[in-house]
């Protein structure tokens, strides 16, 4: 590989990542997580009554993923198997 080819390959694949210099106190981070949680709950409450069973499962899985991202509010993950009841006789 020539120097010019290597240089342009490296230059084109380079991305600068700058750390955030603003640090929010934990109380503000909890407020942000609380707003996110309320938004997820509101969305699920609005969509759930009008959905079929398959889409309810997808919505529940999405809600669990969103809850699990809120590490400051929930230290242990929420693990549900929404298809379990559908498989039982």
PDB file of N, CA and C in Angstrom:
ATOM      1  N   UNK A   1       0.848  -1.162   0.000  1.00  0.00           N
ATOM      2  CA  UNK A   1       0.000   0.000   0.000  1.00  0.00           C
ATOM      3  C   UNK A   1       0.902   1.237   0.000  1.00  0.00           C
ATOM      4  N   UNK A   2       0.561   2.175  -0.824  1.00  0.00           N
ATOM      5  CA  UNK A   2       1.372   3.391  -0.896  1.00  0.00           C
ATOM      6  C   UNK A   2       1.079   4.270   0.310  1.00  0.00           C
ATOM      7  N   UNK A   3       2.000   5.205   0.551  1.00  0.00           N
ATOM      8  CA  UNK A   3       1.830   6.133   1.658  1.00  0.00           C
ATOM      9  C   UNK A   3       0.561   6.966   1.479  1.00  0.00           C
ATOM     10  N   UNK A   4       0.334   7.461   0.278  1.00  0.00           N
ATOM     11  CA  UNK A   4      -0.838   8.301   0.015  1.00  0.00           C
ATOM     12  C   UNK A   4      -2.133   7.518   0.242  1.00  0.00           C
ATOM     13  N   UNK A   5      -2.184   6.266  -0.198  1.00  0.00           N
ATOM     14  CA  UNK A   5      -3.380   5.454  -0.004  1.00  0.00           C
ATOM     15  C   UNK A   5      -3.620   5.197   1.484  1.00  0.00           C
ATOM     16  N   UNK A   6      -2.554   4.872   2.204  1.00  0.00           N
ATOM     17  CA  UNK A   6      -2.681   4.625   3.638  1.00  0.00           C
ATOM     18  C   UNK A   6      -3.114   5.893   4.367  1.00  0.00           C
ATOM     19  N   UNK A   7      -2.514   7.022   4.006  1.00  0.00           N
ATOM     20  CA  UNK A   7      -2.854   8.290   4.652  1.00  0.00           C
ATOM     21  C   UNK A   7      -4.334   8.628   4.454  1.00  0.00           C
ATOM     22  N   UNK A   8      -4.815   8.555   3.237  1.00  0.00           N
ATOM     23  CA  UNK A   8      -6.214   8.899   2.978  1.00  0.00           C
ATOM     24  C   UNK A   8      -7.175   7.881   3.601  1.00  0.00           C
ATOM     25  N   UNK A   9      -6.748   6.652   3.670  1.00  0.00           N
ATOM     26  CA  UNK A   9      -7.585   5.639   4.324  1.00  0.00           C
ATOM     27  C   UNK A   9      -7.727   5.939   5.812  1.00  0.00           C
ATOM     28  N   UNK A  10      -6.604   6.271   6.455  1.00  0.00           N
ATOM     29  CA  UNK A  10      -6.636   6.615   7.877  1.00  0.00           C
ATOM     30  C   UNK A  10      -7.398   7.927   8.098  1.00  0.00           C
ATOM     31  N   UNK A  11      -7.151   8.898   7.249  1.00  0.00           N
ATOM     32  CA  UNK A  11      -7.805  10.200   7.398  1.00  0.00           C
ATOM     33  C   UNK A  11      -9.314  10.076   7.226  1.00  0.00           C
ATOM     34  N   UNK A  12      -9.772   9.268   6.296  1.00  0.00           N
ATOM     35  CA  UNK A  12     -11.205   9.122   6.057  1.00  0.00           C
ATOM     36  C   UNK A  12     -11.902   8.316   7.152  1.00  0.00           C
ATOM     37  N   UNK A  13     -11.168   7.455   7.839  1.00  0.00           N
ATOM     38  CA  UNK A  13     -11.790   6.644   8.882  1.00  0.00           C
ATOM     39  C   UNK A  13     -11.679   7.294  10.263  1.00  0.00           C
ATOM     40  N   UNK A  14     -11.002   8.413  10.379  1.00  0.00           N
ATOM     41  CA  UNK A  14     -10.812   9.080  11.663  1.00  0.00           C
ATOM     42  C   UNK A  14     -12.067   9.852  12.063  1.00  0.00           C
ATOM     43  N   UNK A  15     -12.485   9.690  13.303  1.00  0.00           N
ATOM     44  CA  UNK A  15     -13.562  10.502  13.865  1.00  0.00           C
ATOM     45  C   UNK A  15     -13.109  10.995  15.237  1.00  0.00           C
ATOM     46  N   UNK A  16     -13.309  12.263  15.486  1.00  0.00           N
ATOM     47  CA  UNK A  16     -12.927  12.845  16.768  1.00  0.00           C
ATOM     48  C   UNK A  16     -14.070  12.665  17.759  1.00  0.00           C
ATOM     49  N   UNK A  17     -13.754  12.204  18.933  1.00  0.00           N
ATOM     50  CA  UNK A  17     -14.738  12.041  19.988  1.00  0.00           C
ATOM     51  C   UNK A  17     -14.294  12.891  21.173  1.00  0.00           C
ATOM     52  N   UNK A  18     -15.100  13.881  21.487  1.00  0.00           N
ATOM     53  CA  UNK A  18     -14.773  14.786  22.569  1.00  0.00           C
ATOM     54  C   UNK A  18     -15.615  14.446  23.787  1.00  0.00           C
ATOM     55  N   UNK A  19     -15.004  14.311  24.937  1.00  0.00           N
ATOM     56  CA  UNK A  19     -15.783  14.036  26.144  1.00  0.00           C
ATOM     57  C   UNK A  19     -16.573  15.276  26.549  1.00  0.00           C
ATOM     58  N   UNK A  20     -17.704  15.042  27.178  1.00  0.00           N
ATOM     59  CA  UNK A  20     -18.509  16.150  27.662  1.00  0.00           C
ATOM     60  C   UNK A  20     -17.822  16.764  28.875  1.00  0.00           C
ATOM     61  N   UNK A  21     -17.649  18.064  28.848  1.00  0.00           N
ATOM     62  CA  UNK A  21     -17.004  18.752  29.962  1.00  0.00           C
ATOM     63  C   UNK A  21     -18.018  19.196  31.013  1.00  0.00           C
ATOM     64  N   UNK A  22     -19.303  19.111  30.676  1.00  0.00           N
ATOM     65  CA  UNK A  22     -20.339  19.475  31.625  1.00  0.00           C
ATOM     66  C   UNK A  22     -20.770  18.230  32.393  1.00  0.00           C
ATOM     67  N   UNK A  23     -20.662  18.284  33.682  1.00  0.00           N
ATOM     68  CA  UNK A  23     -21.053  17.161  34.527  1.00  0.00           C
ATOM     69  C   UNK A  23     -22.306  17.561  35.303  1.00  0.00           C
ATOM     70  N   UNK A  24     -23.373  16.795  35.098  1.00  0.00           N
ATOM     71  CA  UNK A  24     -24.603  17.040  35.840  1.00  0.00           C
ATOM     72  C   UNK A  24     -24.510  16.355  37.196  1.00  0.00           C
ATOM     73  N   UNK A  25     -25.036  16.999  38.227  1.00  0.00           N
ATOM     74  CA  UNK A  25     -25.066  16.319  39.522  1.00  0.00           C
ATOM     75  C   UNK A  25     -26.044  15.147  39.463  1.00  0.00           C
ATOM     76  N   UNK A  26     -25.856  14.158  40.329  1.00  0.00           N
ATOM     77  CA  UNK A  26     -26.743  12.985  40.307  1.00  0.00           C
ATOM     78  C   UNK A  26     -28.222  13.343  40.446  1.00  0.00           C
ATOM     79  N   UNK A  27     -28.539  14.382  41.192  1.00  0.00           N
ATOM     80  CA  UNK A  27     -29.948  14.754  41.357  1.00  0.00           C
ATOM     81  C   UNK A  27     -30.559  15.191  40.026  1.00  0.00           C
ATOM     82  N   UNK A  28     -29.795  15.879  39.193  1.00  0.00           N
ATOM     83  CA  UNK A  28     -30.293  16.292  37.880  1.00  0.00           C
ATOM     84  C   UNK A  28     -30.404  15.095  36.941  1.00  0.00           C
ATOM     85  N   UNK A  29     -29.466  14.170  37.039  1.00  0.00           N
ATOM     86  CA  UNK A  29     -29.529  12.971  36.208  1.00  0.00           C
ATOM     87  C   UNK A  29     -30.752  12.129  36.566  1.00  0.00           C
ATOM     88  N   UNK A  30     -31.091  12.071  37.842  1.00  0.00           N
ATOM     89  CA  UNK A  30     -32.274  11.329  38.271  1.00  0.00           C
ATOM     90  C   UNK A  30     -33.533  11.988  37.733  1.00  0.00           C
ATOM     91  N   UNK A  31     -33.556  13.324  37.715  1.00  0.00           N
ATOM     92  CA  UNK A  31     -34.708  14.040  37.157  1.00  0.00           C
ATOM     93  C   UNK A  31     -34.877  13.728  35.674  1.00  0.00           C
ATOM     94  N   UNK A  32     -33.781  13.660  34.947  1.00  0.00           N
ATOM     95  CA  UNK A  32     -33.830  13.336  33.518  1.00  0.00           C
ATOM     96  C   UNK A  32     -34.359  11.915  33.326  1.00  0.00           C
ATOM     97  N   UNK A  33     -33.852  10.977  34.134  1.00  0.00           N
ATOM     98  CA  UNK A  33     -34.333   9.592  34.050  1.00  0.00           C
ATOM     99  C   UNK A  33     -35.814   9.501  34.411  1.00  0.00           C
ATOM    100  N   UNK A  34     -36.254  10.311  35.376  1.00  0.00           N
ATOM    101  CA  UNK A  34     -37.663  10.309  35.769  1.00  0.00           C
ATOM    102  C   UNK A  34     -38.543  10.786  34.615  1.00  0.00           C
ATOM    103  N   UNK A  35     -38.106  11.799  33.895  1.00  0.00           N
ATOM    104  CA  UNK A  35     -38.863  12.291  32.743  1.00  0.00           C
ATOM    105  C   UNK A  35     -38.926  11.219  31.659  1.00  0.00           C
ATOM    106  N   UNK A  36     -37.811  10.539  31.423  1.00  0.00           N
ATOM    107  CA  UNK A  36     -37.789   9.465  30.434  1.00  0.00           C
ATOM    108  C   UNK A  36     -38.735   8.334  30.844  1.00  0.00           C
ATOM    109  N   UNK A  37     -38.716   7.973  32.120  1.00  0.00           N
ATOM    110  CA  UNK A  37     -39.590   6.908  32.615  1.00  0.00           C
ATOM    111  C   UNK A  37     -41.055   7.269  32.435  1.00  0.00           C
ATOM    112  N   UNK A  38     -41.413   8.493  32.782  1.00  0.00           N
ATOM    113  CA  UNK A  38     -42.802   8.936  32.625  1.00  0.00           C
ATOM    114  C   UNK A  38     -43.229   8.916  31.158  1.00  0.00           C
ATOM    115  N   UNK A  39     -42.317   9.279  30.255  1.00  0.00           N
ATOM    116  CA  UNK A  39     -42.632   9.269  28.831  1.00  0.00           C
ATOM    117  C   UNK A  39     -42.860   7.842  28.332  1.00  0.00           C
ATOM    118  N   UNK A  40     -42.035   6.908  28.776  1.00  0.00           N
ATOM    119  CA  UNK A  40     -42.191   5.507  28.382  1.00  0.00           C
ATOM    120  C   UNK A  40     -43.523   4.959  28.890  1.00  0.00           C
ATOM    121  N   UNK A  41     -43.839   5.236  30.154  1.00  0.00           N
ATOM    122  CA  UNK A  41     -45.097   4.754  30.732  1.00  0.00           C
ATOM    123  C   UNK A  41     -46.290   5.355  30.001  1.00  0.00           C
ATOM    124  N   UNK A  42     -46.237   6.642  29.716  1.00  0.00           N
ATOM    125  CA  UNK A  42     -47.343   7.292  29.019  1.00  0.00           C
ATOM    126  C   UNK A  42     -47.542   6.699  27.627  1.00  0.00           C
ATOM    127  N   UNK A  43     -46.450   6.467  26.913  1.00  0.00           N
ATOM    128  CA  UNK A  43     -46.547   5.879  25.581  1.00  0.00           C
ATOM    129  C   UNK A  43     -47.156   4.482  25.646  1.00  0.00           C
ATOM    130  N   UNK A  44     -46.717   3.683  26.611  1.00  0.00           N
ATOM    131  CA  UNK A  44     -47.250   2.329  26.741  1.00  0.00           C
ATOM    132  C   UNK A  44     -48.733   2.358  27.114  1.00  0.00           C
ATOM    133  N   UNK A  45     -49.126   3.280  27.994  1.00  0.00           N
ATOM    134  CA  UNK A  45     -50.531   3.377  28.385  1.00  0.00           C
ATOM    135  C   UNK A  45     -51.417   3.774  27.213  1.00  0.00           C
ATOM    136  N   UNK A  46     -50.908   4.624  26.329  1.00  0.00           N
ATOM    137  CA  UNK A  46     -51.697   5.070  25.180  1.00  0.00           C
ATOM    138  C   UNK A  46     -51.793   3.979  24.121  1.00  0.00           C
ATOM    139  N   UNK A  47     -50.687   3.311  23.833  1.00  0.00           N
ATOM    140  CA  UNK A  47     -50.663   2.347  22.740  1.00  0.00           C
ATOM    141  C   UNK A  47     -51.230   0.980  23.105  1.00  0.00           C
ATOM    142  N   UNK A  48     -51.045   0.543  24.326  1.00  0.00           N
ATOM    143  CA  UNK A  48     -51.388  -0.829  24.719  1.00  0.00           C
ATOM    144  C   UNK A  48     -52.853  -1.203  24.459  1.00  0.00           C
ATOM    145  N   UNK A  49     -53.856  -0.387  24.798  1.00  0.00           N
ATOM    146  CA  UNK A  49     -55.240  -0.832  24.619  1.00  0.00           C
ATOM    147  C   UNK A  49     -55.645  -1.104  23.170  1.00  0.00           C
ATOM    148  N   UNK A  50     -54.984  -0.484  22.212  1.00  0.00           N
ATOM    149  CA  UNK A  50     -55.384  -0.608  20.811  1.00  0.00           C
ATOM    150  C   UNK A  50     -54.509  -1.561  20.007  1.00  0.00           C
ATOM    151  N   UNK A  51     -53.710  -2.378  20.672  1.00  0.00           N
ATOM    152  CA  UNK A  51     -52.772  -3.241  19.955  1.00  0.00           C
ATOM    153  C   UNK A  51     -53.207  -4.696  20.015  1.00  0.00           C
ATOM    154  N   UNK A  52     -52.779  -5.441  18.989  1.00  0.00           N
ATOM    155  CA  UNK A  52     -52.990  -6.886  19.026  1.00  0.00           C
ATOM    156  C   UNK A  52     -51.920  -7.515  19.916  1.00  0.00           C
ATOM    157  N   UNK A  53     -52.069  -8.797  20.201  1.00  0.00           N
ATOM    158  CA  UNK A  53     -51.176  -9.465  21.156  1.00  0.00           C
ATOM    159  C   UNK A  53     -49.711  -9.441  20.725  1.00  0.00           C
ATOM    160  N   UNK A  54     -49.454  -9.645  19.436  1.00  0.00           N
ATOM    161  CA  UNK A  54     -48.059  -9.674  18.959  1.00  0.00           C
ATOM    162  C   UNK A  54     -47.387  -8.319  19.159  1.00  0.00           C
ATOM    163  N   UNK A  55     -48.097  -7.241  18.849  1.00  0.00           N
ATOM    164  CA  UNK A  55     -47.523  -5.910  19.024  1.00  0.00           C
ATOM    165  C   UNK A  55     -47.426  -5.522  20.492  1.00  0.00           C
ATOM    166  N   UNK A  56     -48.310  -6.048  21.332  1.00  0.00           N
ATOM    167  CA  UNK A  56     -48.186  -5.811  22.771  1.00  0.00           C
ATOM    168  C   UNK A  56     -46.895  -6.424  23.304  1.00  0.00           C
ATOM    169  N   UNK A  57     -46.561  -7.608  22.802  1.00  0.00           N
ATOM    170  CA  UNK A  57     -45.314  -8.261  23.209  1.00  0.00           C
ATOM    171  C   UNK A  57     -44.122  -7.401  22.823  1.00  0.00           C
ATOM    172  N   UNK A  58     -44.137  -6.880  21.608  1.00  0.00           N
ATOM    173  CA  UNK A  58     -43.040  -6.028  21.143  1.00  0.00           C
ATOM    174  C   UNK A  58     -42.951  -4.768  21.993  1.00  0.00           C
ATOM    175  N   UNK A  59     -44.099  -4.173  22.312  1.00  0.00           N
ATOM    176  CA  UNK A  59     -44.122  -2.963  23.130  1.00  0.00           C
ATOM    177  C   UNK A  59     -43.607  -3.233  24.540  1.00  0.00           C
ATOM    178  N   UNK A  60     -43.984  -4.348  25.105  1.00  0.00           N
ATOM    179  CA  UNK A  60     -43.511  -4.708  26.439  1.00  0.00           C
ATOM    180  C   UNK A  60     -42.005  -4.922  26.438  1.00  0.00           C
ATOM    181  N   UNK A  61     -41.481  -5.590  25.414  1.00  0.00           N
ATOM    182  CA  UNK A  61     -40.032  -5.789  25.316  1.00  0.00           C
ATOM    183  C   UNK A  61     -39.315  -4.445  25.207  1.00  0.00           C
ATOM    184  N   UNK A  62     -39.871  -3.534  24.394  1.00  0.00           N
ATOM    185  CA  UNK A  62     -39.276  -2.210  24.252  1.00  0.00           C
ATOM    186  C   UNK A  62     -39.299  -1.471  25.587  1.00  0.00           C
ATOM    187  N   UNK A  63     -40.430  -1.551  26.290  1.00  0.00           N
ATOM    188  CA  UNK A  63     -40.535  -0.891  27.587  1.00  0.00           C
ATOM    189  C   UNK A  63     -39.520  -1.432  28.579  1.00  0.00           C
ATOM    190  N   UNK A  64     -39.324  -2.748  28.582  1.00  0.00           N
ATOM    191  CA  UNK A  64     -38.316  -3.346  29.463  1.00  0.00           C
ATOM    192  C   UNK A  64     -36.920  -2.840  29.129  1.00  0.00           C
ATOM    193  N   UNK A  65     -36.609  -2.735  27.845  1.00  0.00           N
ATOM    194  CA  UNK A  65     -35.297  -2.220  27.436  1.00  0.00           C
ATOM    195  C   UNK A  65     -35.113  -0.785  27.904  1.00  0.00           C
ATOM    196  N   UNK A  66     -36.168   0.018  27.790  1.00  0.00           N
ATOM    197  CA  UNK A  66     -36.076   1.410  28.222  1.00  0.00           C
ATOM    198  C   UNK A  66     -35.896   1.502  29.736  1.00  0.00           C
ATOM    199  N   UNK A  67     -36.634   0.686  30.495  1.00  0.00           N
ATOM    200  CA  UNK A  67     -36.479   0.676  31.947  1.00  0.00           C
ATOM    201  C   UNK A  67     -35.059   0.267  32.338  1.00  0.00           C
ATOM    202  N   UNK A  68     -34.514  -0.721  31.645  1.00  0.00           N
ATOM    203  CA  UNK A  68     -33.186  -1.219  31.990  1.00  0.00           C
ATOM    204  C   UNK A  68     -32.086  -0.212  31.687  1.00  0.00           C
ATOM    205  N   UNK A  69     -32.348   0.762  30.839  1.00  0.00           N
ATOM    206  CA  UNK A  69     -31.355   1.803  30.567  1.00  0.00           C
ATOM    207  C   UNK A  69     -31.316   2.865  31.660  1.00  0.00           C
ATOM    208  N   UNK A  70     -32.305   2.901  32.522  1.00  0.00           N
ATOM    209  CA  UNK A  70     -32.373   3.903  33.590  1.00  0.00           C
ATOM    210  C   UNK A  70     -31.653   3.375  34.828  1.00  0.00           C
ATOM    211  N   UNK A  71     -30.335   3.345  34.759  1.00  0.00           N
ATOM    212  CA  UNK A  71     -29.512   2.722  35.794  1.00  0.00           C
ATOM    213  C   UNK A  71     -29.601   3.448  37.138  1.00  0.00           C
ATOM    214  N   UNK A  72     -29.829   4.767  37.117  1.00  0.00           N
ATOM    215  CA  UNK A  72     -29.905   5.497  38.376  1.00  0.00           C
ATOM    216  C   UNK A  72     -31.200   5.198  39.134  1.00  0.00           C
ATOM    217  N   UNK A  73     -32.267   4.910  38.414  1.00  0.00           N
ATOM    218  CA  UNK A  73     -33.548   4.623  39.062  1.00  0.00           C
ATOM    219  C   UNK A  73     -33.692   3.145  39.421  1.00  0.00           C
ATOM    220  N   UNK A  74     -33.172   2.266  38.580  1.00  0.00           N
ATOM    221  CA  UNK A  74     -33.323   0.822  38.782  1.00  0.00           C
ATOM    222  C   UNK A  74     -31.948   0.169  38.727  1.00  0.00           C
ATOM    223  N   UNK A  75     -31.484  -0.340  39.879  1.00  0.00           N
ATOM    224  CA  UNK A  75     -30.161  -0.960  39.918  1.00  0.00           C
ATOM    225  C   UNK A  75     -30.173  -2.367  39.336  1.00  0.00           C
ATOM    226  N   UNK A  76     -31.280  -3.073  39.463  1.00  0.00           N
ATOM    227  CA  UNK A  76     -31.346  -4.423  38.905  1.00  0.00           C
ATOM    228  C   UNK A  76     -32.242  -4.403  37.667  1.00  0.00           C
ATOM    229  N   UNK A  77     -31.883  -5.179  36.651  1.00  0.00           N
ATOM    230  CA  UNK A  77     -32.642  -5.144  35.397  1.00  0.00           C
ATOM    231  C   UNK A  77     -34.013  -5.820  35.524  1.00  0.00           C
ATOM    232  N   UNK A  78     -34.938  -5.345  34.724  1.00  0.00           N
ATOM    233  CA  UNK A  78     -36.269  -5.941  34.620  1.00  0.00           C
ATOM    234  C   UNK A  78     -36.213  -6.983  33.521  1.00  0.00           C
ATOM    235  N   UNK A  79     -36.458  -8.236  33.886  1.00  0.00           N
ATOM    236  CA  UNK A  79     -36.387  -9.330  32.925  1.00  0.00           C
ATOM    237  C   UNK A  79     -37.751 -10.015  32.889  1.00  0.00           C
ATOM    238  N   UNK A  80     -38.429  -9.904  31.755  1.00  0.00           N
ATOM    239  CA  UNK A  80     -39.732 -10.529  31.556  1.00  0.00           C
ATOM    240  C   UNK A  80     -39.680 -11.438  30.339  1.00  0.00           C
ATOM    241  N   UNK A  81     -40.496 -12.466  30.366  1.00  0.00           N
ATOM    242  CA  UNK A  81     -40.665 -13.329  29.203  1.00  0.00           C
ATOM    243  C   UNK A  81     -42.110 -13.178  28.749  1.00  0.00           C
ATOM    244  N   UNK A  82     -42.393 -12.214  27.860  1.00  0.00           N
ATOM    245  CA  UNK A  82     -43.779 -11.946  27.484  1.00  0.00           C
ATOM    246  C   UNK A  82     -44.440 -13.075  26.708  1.00  0.00           C
ATOM    247  N   UNK A  83     -43.678 -13.982  26.144  1.00  0.00           N
ATOM    248  CA  UNK A  83     -44.259 -15.085  25.377  1.00  0.00           C
ATOM    249  C   UNK A  83     -44.584 -16.295  26.256  1.00  0.00           C
ATOM    250  N   UNK A  84     -44.180 -16.286  27.506  1.00  0.00           N
ATOM    251  CA  UNK A  84     -44.387 -17.433  28.378  1.00  0.00           C
ATOM    252  C   UNK A  84     -45.863 -17.780  28.529  1.00  0.00           C
ATOM    253  N   UNK A  85     -46.696 -16.786  28.787  1.00  0.00           N
ATOM    254  CA  UNK A  85     -48.118 -17.047  28.965  1.00  0.00           C
ATOM    255  C   UNK A  85     -48.773 -17.542  27.679  1.00  0.00           C
ATOM    256  N   UNK A  86     -48.274 -17.098  26.538  1.00  0.00           N
ATOM    257  CA  UNK A  86     -48.842 -17.532  25.261  1.00  0.00           C
ATOM    258  C   UNK A  86     -48.528 -19.005  24.998  1.00  0.00           C
ATOM    259  N   UNK A  87     -47.440 -19.513  25.561  1.00  0.00           N
ATOM    260  CA  UNK A  87     -47.055 -20.908  25.318  1.00  0.00           C
ATOM    261  C   UNK A  87     -47.718 -21.873  26.277  1.00  0.00           C
ATOM    262  N   UNK A  88     -48.221 -21.388  27.408  1.00  0.00           N
ATOM    263  CA  UNK A  88     -48.847 -22.283  28.371  1.00  0.00           C
ATOM    264  C   UNK A  88     -50.222 -22.731  27.871  1.00  0.00           C
ATOM    265  N   UNK A  89     -50.610 -23.955  28.178  1.00  0.00           N
ATOM    266  CA  UNK A  89     -51.930 -24.432  27.728  1.00  0.00           C
ATOM    267  C   UNK A  89     -53.053 -23.798  28.513  1.00  0.00           C
TER     268      UNK A  89
END
